[in-house]
PDB file of N, CA and C in Angstrom:
ATOM      1  N   UNK A   1      91.148  -5.502  46.984  1.00  0.00           N
ATOM      2  CA  UNK A   1      92.148  -6.147  46.232  1.00  0.00           C
ATOM      3  C   UNK A   1      93.321  -6.253  46.933  1.00  0.00           C
ATOM      4  N   UNK A   2      94.043  -7.414  47.053  1.00  0.00           N
ATOM      5  CA  UNK A   2      95.263  -7.496  47.939  1.00  0.00           C
ATOM      6  C   UNK A   2      96.482  -6.892  47.048  1.00  0.00           C
ATOM      7  N   UNK A   3      97.402  -6.575  47.770  1.00  0.00           N
ATOM      8  CA  UNK A   3      98.711  -6.131  47.289  1.00  0.00           C
ATOM      9  C   UNK A   3      99.755  -7.002  46.791  1.00  0.00           C
ATOM     10  N   UNK A   4     100.503  -6.748  45.571  1.00  0.00           N
ATOM     11  CA  UNK A   4     101.204  -8.178  45.270  1.00  0.00           C
ATOM     12  C   UNK A   4     102.287  -8.464  46.263  1.00  0.00           C
ATOM     13  N   UNK A   5     102.801  -9.459  46.225  1.00  0.00           N
ATOM     14  CA  UNK A   5     103.770  -9.704  47.039  1.00  0.00           C
ATOM     15  C   UNK A   5     105.345 -10.192  46.212  1.00  0.00           C
ATOM     16  N   UNK A   6     105.156  -9.854  44.903  1.00  0.00           N
ATOM     17  CA  UNK A   6     106.228 -10.145  44.252  1.00  0.00           C
ATOM     18  C   UNK A   6     107.352  -9.308  44.402  1.00  0.00           C
ATOM     19  N   UNK A   7     108.741  -9.686  44.169  1.00  0.00           N
ATOM     20  CA  UNK A   7     109.807  -8.840  44.681  1.00  0.00           C
ATOM     21  C   UNK A   7     110.624  -8.808  43.070  1.00  0.00           C
ATOM     22  N   UNK A   8     111.493  -7.528  42.892  1.00  0.00           N
ATOM     23  CA  UNK A   8     112.051  -7.568  41.819  1.00  0.00           C
ATOM     24  C   UNK A   8     113.769  -8.151  42.135  1.00  0.00           C
ATOM     25  N   UNK A   9     114.112  -8.745  41.015  1.00  0.00           N
ATOM     26  CA  UNK A   9     115.463  -9.400  40.827  1.00  0.00           C
ATOM     27  C   UNK A   9     116.487  -8.338  40.862  1.00  0.00           C
ATOM     28  N   UNK A  10     116.208  -7.073  40.945  1.00  0.00           N
ATOM     29  CA  UNK A  10     117.336  -5.908  40.783  1.00  0.00           C
ATOM     30  C   UNK A  10     118.456  -6.096  41.894  1.00  0.00           C
ATOM     31  N   UNK A  11     117.933  -6.533  43.166  1.00  0.00           N
ATOM     32  CA  UNK A  11     118.812  -6.680  44.214  1.00  0.00           C
ATOM     33  C   UNK A  11     119.633  -7.980  44.589  1.00  0.00           C
ATOM     34  N   UNK A  12     119.241  -9.058  43.613  1.00  0.00           N
ATOM     35  CA  UNK A  12     119.788 -10.362  43.621  1.00  0.00           C
ATOM     36  C   UNK A  12     121.367 -10.093  43.550  1.00  0.00           C
ATOM     37  N   UNK A  13     121.830 -11.136  44.117  1.00  0.00           N
ATOM     38  CA  UNK A  13     123.420 -11.497  43.883  1.00  0.00           C
ATOM     39  C   UNK A  13     123.737 -12.738  43.985  1.00  0.00           C
ATOM     40  N   UNK A  14     125.086 -13.008  43.495  1.00  0.00           N
ATOM     41  CA  UNK A  14     125.952 -14.365  43.557  1.00  0.00           C
ATOM     42  C   UNK A  14     127.286 -13.900  44.054  1.00  0.00           C
ATOM     43  N   UNK A  15     127.871 -14.659  45.166  1.00  0.00           N
ATOM     44  CA  UNK A  15     129.052 -14.376  45.678  1.00  0.00           C
ATOM     45  C   UNK A  15     129.835 -15.933  45.666  1.00  0.00           C
ATOM     46  N   UNK A  16     130.959 -15.994  45.677  1.00  0.00           N
ATOM     47  CA  UNK A  16     131.743 -17.054  45.738  1.00  0.00           C
ATOM     48  C   UNK A  16     132.406 -17.821  44.506  1.00  0.00           C
ATOM     49  N   UNK A  17     132.143 -17.071  43.354  1.00  0.00           N
ATOM     50  CA  UNK A  17     132.359 -17.948  42.093  1.00  0.00           C
ATOM     51  C   UNK A  17     133.496 -17.321  41.515  1.00  0.00           C
ATOM     52  N   UNK A  18     134.083 -16.113  41.718  1.00  0.00           N
ATOM     53  CA  UNK A  18     135.210 -15.445  41.220  1.00  0.00           C
ATOM     54  C   UNK A  18     134.641 -14.612  39.768  1.00  0.00           C
ATOM     55  N   UNK A  19     133.454 -14.776  39.628  1.00  0.00           N
ATOM     56  CA  UNK A  19     132.761 -14.062  38.331  1.00  0.00           C
ATOM     57  C   UNK A  19     132.411 -12.694  38.722  1.00  0.00           C
ATOM     58  N   UNK A  20     132.372 -11.684  38.008  1.00  0.00           N
ATOM     59  CA  UNK A  20     131.846 -10.414  38.000  1.00  0.00           C
ATOM     60  C   UNK A  20     130.706  -9.949  37.053  1.00  0.00           C
ATOM     61  N   UNK A  21     130.118  -8.957  37.379  1.00  0.00           N
ATOM     62  CA  UNK A  21     128.911  -8.444  36.801  1.00  0.00           C
ATOM     63  C   UNK A  21     128.089  -9.586  36.466  1.00  0.00           C
ATOM     64  N   UNK A  22     127.656 -10.327  37.357  1.00  0.00           N
ATOM     65  CA  UNK A  22     126.381 -11.445  37.204  1.00  0.00           C
ATOM     66  C   UNK A  22     125.178 -10.820  37.092  1.00  0.00           C
ATOM     67  N   UNK A  23     124.592 -11.236  35.896  1.00  0.00           N
ATOM     68  CA  UNK A  23     123.397 -10.556  35.508  1.00  0.00           C
ATOM     69  C   UNK A  23     122.064 -11.530  35.739  1.00  0.00           C
ATOM     70  N   UNK A  24     122.264 -12.834  35.807  1.00  0.00           N
ATOM     71  CA  UNK A  24     121.205 -13.618  36.013  1.00  0.00           C
ATOM     72  C   UNK A  24     121.663 -14.624  36.722  1.00  0.00           C
ATOM     73  N   UNK A  25     120.756 -15.642  37.501  1.00  0.00           N
ATOM     74  CA  UNK A  25     121.076 -16.874  38.038  1.00  0.00           C
ATOM     75  C   UNK A  25     119.746 -17.749  38.295  1.00  0.00           C
ATOM     76  N   UNK A  26     119.739 -18.902  38.220  1.00  0.00           N
ATOM     77  CA  UNK A  26     118.936 -19.733  38.435  1.00  0.00           C
ATOM     78  C   UNK A  26     119.105 -21.059  39.257  1.00  0.00           C
ATOM     79  N   UNK A  27     118.293 -21.435  39.928  1.00  0.00           N
ATOM     80  CA  UNK A  27     118.733 -22.492  40.553  1.00  0.00           C
ATOM     81  C   UNK A  27     117.493 -23.503  41.169  1.00  0.00           C
ATOM     82  N   UNK A  28     117.560 -24.846  41.110  1.00  0.00           N
ATOM     83  CA  UNK A  28     116.495 -25.809  41.400  1.00  0.00           C
ATOM     84  C   UNK A  28     116.752 -26.668  42.576  1.00  0.00           C
ATOM     85  N   UNK A  29     116.060 -26.817  43.802  1.00  0.00           N
ATOM     86  CA  UNK A  29     116.451 -27.710  44.747  1.00  0.00           C
ATOM     87  C   UNK A  29     115.988 -28.760  44.205  1.00  0.00           C
ATOM     88  N   UNK A  30     116.616 -30.082  44.235  1.00  0.00           N
ATOM     89  CA  UNK A  30     116.191 -31.429  43.633  1.00  0.00           C
ATOM     90  C   UNK A  30     116.099 -32.311  44.552  1.00  0.00           C
ATOM     91  N   UNK A  31     115.192 -33.388  44.461  1.00  0.00           N
ATOM     92  CA  UNK A  31     115.091 -34.563  45.084  1.00  0.00           C
ATOM     93  C   UNK A  31     115.307 -35.842  44.213  1.00  0.00           C
ATOM     94  N   UNK A  32     116.102 -36.714  44.457  1.00  0.00           N
ATOM     95  CA  UNK A  32     115.859 -38.028  43.559  1.00  0.00           C
ATOM     96  C   UNK A  32     114.709 -38.715  44.042  1.00  0.00           C
ATOM     97  N   UNK A  33     113.805 -39.195  43.002  1.00  0.00           N
ATOM     98  CA  UNK A  33     112.933 -39.839  43.299  1.00  0.00           C
ATOM     99  C   UNK A  33     113.087 -41.407  43.210  1.00  0.00           C
ATOM    100  N   UNK A  34     113.071 -42.220  44.236  1.00  0.00           N
ATOM    101  CA  UNK A  34     113.420 -43.548  43.879  1.00  0.00           C
ATOM    102  C   UNK A  34     112.421 -44.506  43.767  1.00  0.00           C
ATOM    103  N   UNK A  35     112.255 -45.478  42.738  1.00  0.00           N
ATOM    104  CA  UNK A  35     111.256 -46.117  42.436  1.00  0.00           C
ATOM    105  C   UNK A  35     110.873 -47.094  43.549  1.00  0.00           C
ATOM    106  N   UNK A  36     109.629 -47.188  44.016  1.00  0.00           N
ATOM    107  CA  UNK A  36     109.340 -48.117  44.946  1.00  0.00           C
ATOM    108  C   UNK A  36     108.032 -49.058  44.790  1.00  0.00           C
ATOM    109  N   UNK A  37     107.630 -48.963  43.419  1.00  0.00           N
ATOM    110  CA  UNK A  37     106.466 -49.630  42.956  1.00  0.00           C
ATOM    111  C   UNK A  37     106.525 -51.136  43.318  1.00  0.00           C
ATOM    112  N   UNK A  38     105.498 -51.573  43.655  1.00  0.00           N
ATOM    113  CA  UNK A  38     105.508 -53.032  44.185  1.00  0.00           C
ATOM    114  C   UNK A  38     104.033 -53.641  43.534  1.00  0.00           C
ATOM    115  N   UNK A  39     104.193 -55.032  43.568  1.00  0.00           N
ATOM    116  CA  UNK A  39     102.948 -55.566  43.110  1.00  0.00           C
ATOM    117  C   UNK A  39     101.577 -55.134  43.962  1.00  0.00           C
ATOM    118  N   UNK A  40     101.947 -54.688  45.157  1.00  0.00           N
ATOM    119  CA  UNK A  40     100.756 -54.411  45.896  1.00  0.00           C
ATOM    120  C   UNK A  40     100.282 -53.057  45.557  1.00  0.00           C
ATOM    121  N   UNK A  41     100.998 -52.266  44.833  1.00  0.00           N
ATOM    122  CA  UNK A  41     100.603 -50.898  44.529  1.00  0.00           C
ATOM    123  C   UNK A  41      99.336 -50.720  43.668  1.00  0.00           C
ATOM    124  N   UNK A  42      98.712 -51.823  43.117  1.00  0.00           N
ATOM    125  CA  UNK A  42      97.525 -51.763  42.484  1.00  0.00           C
ATOM    126  C   UNK A  42      97.385 -51.275  41.011  1.00  0.00           C
ATOM    127  N   UNK A  43      98.840 -51.332  40.501  1.00  0.00           N
ATOM    128  CA  UNK A  43      99.195 -50.711  39.201  1.00  0.00           C
ATOM    129  C   UNK A  43      99.624 -49.009  39.274  1.00  0.00           C
ATOM    130  N   UNK A  44      99.892 -48.631  40.250  1.00  0.00           N
ATOM    131  CA  UNK A  44      99.887 -47.180  40.350  1.00  0.00           C
ATOM    132  C   UNK A  44     101.491 -47.082  40.869  1.00  0.00           C
ATOM    133  N   UNK A  45     102.321 -46.097  40.087  1.00  0.00           N
ATOM    134  CA  UNK A  45     103.714 -45.907  40.360  1.00  0.00           C
ATOM    135  C   UNK A  45     103.747 -45.501  41.765  1.00  0.00           C
ATOM    136  N   UNK A  46     105.009 -45.932  42.408  1.00  0.00           N
ATOM    137  CA  UNK A  46     105.035 -45.219  43.940  1.00  0.00           C
ATOM    138  C   UNK A  46     106.716 -44.837  43.820  1.00  0.00           C
ATOM    139  N   UNK A  47     107.057 -44.032  44.513  1.00  0.00           N
ATOM    140  CA  UNK A  47     108.376 -43.555  44.904  1.00  0.00           C
ATOM    141  C   UNK A  47     108.486 -42.997  46.198  1.00  0.00           C
ATOM    142  N   UNK A  48     109.916 -42.936  46.807  1.00  0.00           N
ATOM    143  CA  UNK A  48     110.329 -42.349  47.905  1.00  0.00           C
ATOM    144  C   UNK A  48     111.417 -41.502  47.723  1.00  0.00           C
ATOM    145  N   UNK A  49     111.451 -40.561  48.373  1.00  0.00           N
ATOM    146  CA  UNK A  49     112.398 -39.283  48.313  1.00  0.00           C
ATOM    147  C   UNK A  49     113.866 -39.939  48.843  1.00  0.00           C
ATOM    148  N   UNK A  50     114.774 -39.641  47.697  1.00  0.00           N
ATOM    149  CA  UNK A  50     116.212 -39.874  47.969  1.00  0.00           C
ATOM    150  C   UNK A  50     117.076 -38.681  48.320  1.00  0.00           C
ATOM    151  N   UNK A  51     118.303 -38.751  47.777  1.00  0.00           N
ATOM    152  CA  UNK A  51     119.172 -37.572  48.342  1.00  0.00           C
ATOM    153  C   UNK A  51     118.778 -36.375  47.483  1.00  0.00           C
ATOM    154  N   UNK A  52     119.074 -35.357  47.910  1.00  0.00           N
ATOM    155  CA  UNK A  52     118.520 -34.046  47.626  1.00  0.00           C
ATOM    156  C   UNK A  52     119.983 -33.040  47.401  1.00  0.00           C
ATOM    157  N   UNK A  53     119.776 -31.880  46.329  1.00  0.00           N
ATOM    158  CA  UNK A  53     120.734 -31.189  46.092  1.00  0.00           C
ATOM    159  C   UNK A  53     120.255 -29.999  45.506  1.00  0.00           C
ATOM    160  N   UNK A  54     121.229 -29.165  45.090  1.00  0.00           N
ATOM    161  CA  UNK A  54     120.823 -27.912  44.382  1.00  0.00           C
ATOM    162  C   UNK A  54     121.662 -27.797  42.994  1.00  0.00           C
ATOM    163  N   UNK A  55     120.755 -27.463  41.871  1.00  0.00           N
ATOM    164  CA  UNK A  55     121.813 -27.409  40.749  1.00  0.00           C
ATOM    165  C   UNK A  55     121.328 -25.910  40.066  1.00  0.00           C
ATOM    166  N   UNK A  56     122.111 -25.545  39.172  1.00  0.00           N
ATOM    167  CA  UNK A  56     121.492 -24.198  38.893  1.00  0.00           C
ATOM    168  C   UNK A  56     122.631 -23.662  37.494  1.00  0.00           C
ATOM    169  N   UNK A  57     122.583 -22.213  37.235  1.00  0.00           N
ATOM    170  CA  UNK A  57     123.370 -21.667  36.235  1.00  0.00           C
ATOM    171  C   UNK A  57     123.353 -20.210  36.599  1.00  0.00           C
ATOM    172  N   UNK A  58     124.468 -19.572  35.980  1.00  0.00           N
ATOM    173  CA  UNK A  58     124.407 -18.208  36.256  1.00  0.00           C
ATOM    174  C   UNK A  58     124.998 -17.816  34.880  1.00  0.00           C
ATOM    175  N   UNK A  59     125.048 -16.392  34.594  1.00  0.00           N
ATOM    176  CA  UNK A  59     125.238 -15.612  33.449  1.00  0.00           C
ATOM    177  C   UNK A  59     125.888 -14.491  34.049  1.00  0.00           C
ATOM    178  N   UNK A  60     127.157 -13.976  33.293  1.00  0.00           N
ATOM    179  CA  UNK A  60     127.844 -12.898  33.737  1.00  0.00           C
ATOM    180  C   UNK A  60     128.492 -12.061  32.404  1.00  0.00           C
ATOM    181  N   UNK A  61     128.582 -10.813  32.463  1.00  0.00           N
ATOM    182  CA  UNK A  61     129.118  -9.995  31.348  1.00  0.00           C
ATOM    183  C   UNK A  61     130.672  -9.611  31.816  1.00  0.00           C
ATOM    184  N   UNK A  62     131.305  -9.850  32.992  1.00  0.00           N
ATOM    185  CA  UNK A  62     132.436  -9.398  33.470  1.00  0.00           C
ATOM    186  C   UNK A  62     133.393 -10.587  33.533  1.00  0.00           C
ATOM    187  N   UNK A  63     134.005 -10.757  34.543  1.00  0.00           N
ATOM    188  CA  UNK A  63     135.021 -11.894  34.680  1.00  0.00           C
ATOM    189  C   UNK A  63     134.322 -13.185  34.490  1.00  0.00           C
ATOM    190  N   UNK A  64     134.965 -14.290  33.754  1.00  0.00           N
ATOM    191  CA  UNK A  64     134.000 -15.522  33.392  1.00  0.00           C
ATOM    192  C   UNK A  64     134.550 -16.278  34.852  1.00  0.00           C
ATOM    193  N   UNK A  65     133.305 -17.049  35.168  1.00  0.00           N
ATOM    194  CA  UNK A  65     133.636 -17.842  36.249  1.00  0.00           C
ATOM    195  C   UNK A  65     134.642 -19.148  35.968  1.00  0.00           C
ATOM    196  N   UNK A  66     135.303 -19.584  36.888  1.00  0.00           N
ATOM    197  CA  UNK A  66     136.135 -20.870  36.499  1.00  0.00           C
ATOM    198  C   UNK A  66     135.543 -22.120  36.788  1.00  0.00           C
ATOM    199  N   UNK A  67     135.822 -23.190  36.085  1.00  0.00           N
ATOM    200  CA  UNK A  67     135.215 -24.406  36.578  1.00  0.00           C
ATOM    201  C   UNK A  67     136.074 -25.163  37.826  1.00  0.00           C
ATOM    202  N   UNK A  68     135.397 -25.930  38.192  1.00  0.00           N
ATOM    203  CA  UNK A  68     136.158 -26.446  39.523  1.00  0.00           C
ATOM    204  C   UNK A  68     135.043 -26.174  40.760  1.00  0.00           C
ATOM    205  N   UNK A  69     135.954 -26.434  42.040  1.00  0.00           N
ATOM    206  CA  UNK A  69     135.035 -26.376  43.301  1.00  0.00           C
ATOM    207  C   UNK A  69     134.985 -25.017  43.701  1.00  0.00           C
ATOM    208  N   UNK A  70     133.788 -24.498  44.209  1.00  0.00           N
ATOM    209  CA  UNK A  70     133.379 -23.231  44.654  1.00  0.00           C
ATOM    210  C   UNK A  70     133.131 -23.696  46.303  1.00  0.00           C
ATOM    211  N   UNK A  71     133.897 -23.070  47.048  1.00  0.00           N
ATOM    212  CA  UNK A  71     133.875 -23.255  48.631  1.00  0.00           C
ATOM    213  C   UNK A  71     132.541 -22.663  49.128  1.00  0.00           C
ATOM    214  N   UNK A  72     132.210 -21.537  48.807  1.00  0.00           N
ATOM    215  CA  UNK A  72     131.224 -20.653  49.555  1.00  0.00           C
ATOM    216  C   UNK A  72     130.275 -20.099  48.462  1.00  0.00           C
ATOM    217  N   UNK A  73     129.534 -20.796  47.853  1.00  0.00           N
ATOM    218  CA  UNK A  73     128.550 -20.244  46.855  1.00  0.00           C
ATOM    219  C   UNK A  73     127.254 -19.741  47.582  1.00  0.00           C
ATOM    220  N   UNK A  74     126.932 -18.511  47.417  1.00  0.00           N
ATOM    221  CA  UNK A  74     125.762 -17.736  48.123  1.00  0.00           C
ATOM    222  C   UNK A  74     124.938 -17.174  46.877  1.00  0.00           C
ATOM    223  N   UNK A  75     123.699 -17.646  46.823  1.00  0.00           N
ATOM    224  CA  UNK A  75     122.624 -17.065  45.790  1.00  0.00           C
ATOM    225  C   UNK A  75     121.772 -16.396  46.572  1.00  0.00           C
ATOM    226  N   UNK A  76     121.497 -14.861  46.513  1.00  0.00           N
ATOM    227  CA  UNK A  76     120.634 -14.153  47.149  1.00  0.00           C
ATOM    228  C   UNK A  76     119.485 -13.726  46.260  1.00  0.00           C
ATOM    229  N   UNK A  77     118.325 -13.832  46.613  1.00  0.00           N
ATOM    230  CA  UNK A  77     117.205 -13.251  45.749  1.00  0.00           C
ATOM    231  C   UNK A  77     116.763 -11.829  45.854  1.00  0.00           C
ATOM    232  N   UNK A  78     117.631 -11.073  46.726  1.00  0.00           N
ATOM    233  CA  UNK A  78     117.477  -9.662  46.630  1.00  0.00           C
ATOM    234  C   UNK A  78     116.266  -9.264  47.848  1.00  0.00           C
ATOM    235  N   UNK A  79     116.032 -10.295  48.725  1.00  0.00           N
ATOM    236  CA  UNK A  79     114.963  -9.900  49.737  1.00  0.00           C
ATOM    237  C   UNK A  79     114.486 -11.013  50.456  1.00  0.00           C
ATOM    238  N   UNK A  80     114.205 -12.134  49.826  1.00  0.00           N
ATOM    239  CA  UNK A  80     113.450 -13.215  50.603  1.00  0.00           C
ATOM    240  C   UNK A  80     114.200 -14.238  51.191  1.00  0.00           C
ATOM    241  N   UNK A  81     115.260 -14.757  50.400  1.00  0.00           N
ATOM    242  CA  UNK A  81     116.135 -15.947  50.617  1.00  0.00           C
ATOM    243  C   UNK A  81     117.565 -15.839  50.060  1.00  0.00           C
ATOM    244  N   UNK A  82     118.338 -16.510  50.894  1.00  0.00           N
ATOM    245  CA  UNK A  82     119.698 -16.972  50.366  1.00  0.00           C
ATOM    246  C   UNK A  82     119.966 -18.399  50.393  1.00  0.00           C
ATOM    247  N   UNK A  83     120.286 -18.827  49.301  1.00  0.00           N
ATOM    248  CA  UNK A  83     120.764 -20.275  49.005  1.00  0.00           C
ATOM    249  C   UNK A  83     122.396 -20.396  49.126  1.00  0.00           C
ATOM    250  N   UNK A  84     122.784 -21.196  50.227  1.00  0.00           N
ATOM    251  CA  UNK A  84     124.311 -21.137  50.583  1.00  0.00           C
ATOM    252  C   UNK A  84     124.755 -22.720  50.532  1.00  0.00           C
ATOM    253  N   UNK A  85     126.023 -22.820  49.790  1.00  0.00           N
ATOM    254  CA  UNK A  85     126.494 -24.141  49.712  1.00  0.00           C
ATOM    255  C   UNK A  85     127.828 -24.246  49.334  1.00  0.00           C
ATOM    256  N   UNK A  86     128.590 -25.368  49.349  1.00  0.00           N
ATOM    257  CA  UNK A  86     129.592 -25.445  48.516  1.00  0.00           C
ATOM    258  C   UNK A  86     129.135 -26.064  47.147  1.00  0.00           C
ATOM    259  N   UNK A  87     130.035 -26.173  46.181  1.00  0.00           N
ATOM    260  CA  UNK A  87     129.230 -26.298  44.782  1.00  0.00           C
ATOM    261  C   UNK A  87     130.666 -26.707  43.926  1.00  0.00           C
ATOM    262  N   UNK A  88     130.250 -27.380  42.610  1.00  0.00           N
ATOM    263  CA  UNK A  88     131.163 -27.583  41.770  1.00  0.00           C
ATOM    264  C   UNK A  88     130.670 -26.956  40.522  1.00  0.00           C
ATOM    265  N   UNK A  89     131.557 -26.081  39.736  1.00  0.00           N
ATOM    266  CA  UNK A  89     130.988 -25.706  38.511  1.00  0.00           C
ATOM    267  C   UNK A  89     131.575 -26.638  37.438  1.00  0.00           C
ATOM    268  N   UNK A  90     130.788 -27.220  36.824  1.00  0.00           N
ATOM    269  CA  UNK A  90     131.109 -28.330  35.708  1.00  0.00           C
ATOM    270  C   UNK A  90     131.306 -27.798  34.308  1.00  0.00           C
ATOM    271  N   UNK A  91     130.784 -26.612  34.003  1.00  0.00           N
ATOM    272  CA  UNK A  91     130.574 -26.303  32.539  1.00  0.00           C
ATOM    273  C   UNK A  91     130.597 -24.832  32.537  1.00  0.00           C
ATOM    274  N   UNK A  92     131.357 -24.105  31.740  1.00  0.00           N
ATOM    275  CA  UNK A  92     131.497 -22.636  31.495  1.00  0.00           C
ATOM    276  C   UNK A  92     131.292 -22.421  30.148  1.00  0.00           C
ATOM    277  N   UNK A  93     130.432 -21.682  29.562  1.00  0.00           N
ATOM    278  CA  UNK A  93     130.047 -21.342  28.418  1.00  0.00           C
ATOM    279  C   UNK A  93     130.381 -19.840  27.840  1.00  0.00           C
ATOM    280  N   UNK A  94     130.640 -19.766  26.469  1.00  0.00           N
ATOM    281  CA  UNK A  94     130.895 -18.575  26.118  1.00  0.00           C
ATOM    282  C   UNK A  94     129.947 -18.030  25.186  1.00  0.00           C
ATOM    283  N   UNK A  95     129.172 -16.793  25.409  1.00  0.00           N
ATOM    284  CA  UNK A  95     128.316 -16.480  24.280  1.00  0.00           C
ATOM    285  C   UNK A  95     128.621 -15.068  23.763  1.00  0.00           C
ATOM    286  N   UNK A  96     128.934 -15.288  22.279  1.00  0.00           N
ATOM    287  CA  UNK A  96     129.391 -14.001  21.888  1.00  0.00           C
ATOM    288  C   UNK A  96     128.428 -13.540  20.503  1.00  0.00           C
ATOM    289  N   UNK A  97     127.976 -12.441  20.666  1.00  0.00           N
ATOM    290  CA  UNK A  97     127.186 -11.641  19.726  1.00  0.00           C
ATOM    291  C   UNK A  97     127.596 -10.581  19.264  1.00  0.00           C
ATOM    292  N   UNK A  98     127.675 -10.402  17.746  1.00  0.00           N
ATOM    293  CA  UNK A  98     128.336  -9.351  16.893  1.00  0.00           C
ATOM    294  C   UNK A  98     127.911  -7.928  17.508  1.00  0.00           C
ATOM    295  N   UNK A  99     126.524  -7.899  17.798  1.00  0.00           N
ATOM    296  CA  UNK A  99     126.021  -6.562  18.286  1.00  0.00           C
ATOM    297  C   UNK A  99     125.782  -6.492  19.640  1.00  0.00           C
ATOM    298  N   UNK A 100     126.405  -7.613  20.696  1.00  0.00           N
ATOM    299  CA  UNK A 100     126.053  -7.276  22.066  1.00  0.00           C
ATOM    300  C   UNK A 100     127.250  -7.644  22.783  1.00  0.00           C
ATOM    301  N   UNK A 101     126.911  -7.899  24.307  1.00  0.00           N
ATOM    302  CA  UNK A 101     128.282  -7.962  25.069  1.00  0.00           C
ATOM    303  C   UNK A 101     128.580  -9.603  25.048  1.00  0.00           C
ATOM    304  N   UNK A 102     129.920  -9.909  25.216  1.00  0.00           N
ATOM    305  CA  UNK A 102     130.146 -11.092  25.454  1.00  0.00           C
ATOM    306  C   UNK A 102     129.818 -11.655  26.772  1.00  0.00           C
ATOM    307  N   UNK A 103     128.955 -12.824  26.787  1.00  0.00           N
ATOM    308  CA  UNK A 103     128.396 -13.447  28.087  1.00  0.00           C
ATOM    309  C   UNK A 103     129.113 -14.694  28.378  1.00  0.00           C
ATOM    310  N   UNK A 104     129.362 -14.888  29.654  1.00  0.00           N
ATOM    311  CA  UNK A 104     129.774 -15.982  30.173  1.00  0.00           C
ATOM    312  C   UNK A 104     128.762 -17.037  30.819  1.00  0.00           C
ATOM    313  N   UNK A 105     128.465 -18.097  30.806  1.00  0.00           N
ATOM    314  CA  UNK A 105     127.432 -18.766  31.361  1.00  0.00           C
ATOM    315  C   UNK A 105     128.414 -20.179  32.361  1.00  0.00           C
ATOM    316  N   UNK A 106     127.748 -20.369  33.553  1.00  0.00           N
ATOM    317  CA  UNK A 106     128.301 -21.514  34.122  1.00  0.00           C
ATOM    318  C   UNK A 106     127.255 -22.255  34.939  1.00  0.00           C
ATOM    319  N   UNK A 107     127.352 -23.919  34.532  1.00  0.00           N
ATOM    320  CA  UNK A 107     126.234 -24.607  35.363  1.00  0.00           C
ATOM    321  C   UNK A 107     127.107 -25.187  36.697  1.00  0.00           C
ATOM    322  N   UNK A 108     126.280 -25.288  37.767  1.00  0.00           N
ATOM    323  CA  UNK A 108     126.943 -25.966  39.078  1.00  0.00           C
ATOM    324  C   UNK A 108     125.965 -26.892  39.674  1.00  0.00           C
ATOM    325  N   UNK A 109     126.649 -27.646  40.574  1.00  0.00           N
ATOM    326  CA  UNK A 109     125.786 -28.729  41.118  1.00  0.00           C
ATOM    327  C   UNK A 109     126.397 -28.452  42.815  1.00  0.00           C
ATOM    328  N   UNK A 110     125.491 -28.408  43.795  1.00  0.00           N
ATOM    329  CA  UNK A 110     126.234 -28.508  45.089  1.00  0.00           C
ATOM    330  C   UNK A 110     126.622 -29.620  45.468  1.00  0.00           C
ATOM    331  N   UNK A 111     127.640 -29.600  46.394  1.00  0.00           N
ATOM    332  CA  UNK A 111     127.912 -30.897  47.037  1.00  0.00           C
ATOM    333  C   UNK A 111     128.055 -30.637  48.568  1.00  0.00           C
ATOM    334  N   UNK A 112     127.363 -31.448  49.353  1.00  0.00           N
ATOM    335  CA  UNK A 112     127.078 -31.391  50.685  1.00  0.00           C
ATOM    336  C   UNK A 112     125.895 -30.426  50.970  1.00  0.00           C
ATOM    337  N   UNK A 113     125.737 -30.002  52.242  1.00  0.00           N
ATOM    338  CA  UNK A 113     124.480 -29.281  52.601  1.00  0.00           C
ATOM    339  C   UNK A 113     124.217 -28.013  52.061  1.00  0.00           C
ATOM    340  N   UNK A 114     123.043 -27.852  51.667  1.00  0.00           N
ATOM    341  CA  UNK A 114     122.625 -26.646  51.131  1.00  0.00           C
ATOM    342  C   UNK A 114     121.676 -25.721  52.468  1.00  0.00           C
ATOM    343  N   UNK A 115     121.851 -24.654  52.602  1.00  0.00           N
ATOM    344  CA  UNK A 115     121.373 -23.725  53.448  1.00  0.00           C
ATOM    345  C   UNK A 115     120.354 -22.869  52.869  1.00  0.00           C
ATOM    346  N   UNK A 116     119.367 -22.840  53.494  1.00  0.00           N
ATOM    347  CA  UNK A 116     118.434 -21.745  52.993  1.00  0.00           C
ATOM    348  C   UNK A 116     117.922 -20.700  54.147  1.00  0.00           C
ATOM    349  N   UNK A 117     118.430 -19.388  54.026  1.00  0.00           N
ATOM    350  CA  UNK A 117     118.093 -18.632  55.028  1.00  0.00           C
ATOM    351  C   UNK A 117     117.238 -17.246  54.586  1.00  0.00           C
TER     352      UNK A 117
END
């Protein structure tokens, strides 16, 4: 039996947002799919890859993120990869639970090159 190659998120991190005590982040590398179907496609849909980017969100329980430009967003998985880019935070949300902590959420989208190291 092979050993698992899964990693724990406990060492993950986010920098560049001004937020503190970030507890969760998610990100999606995206490609726009441009429709390229023609009469020659035999009735099958065809597409080509267009521009690419990174979208995502983060959750924190400390200082809330501020909307606007983020010059150096860095998302670290805690071991295998770091995604770095300039980004714009377009939405900041507040989550308040009478028996829990106040959480802040932020949705972001990259602007320019995304580096994966």
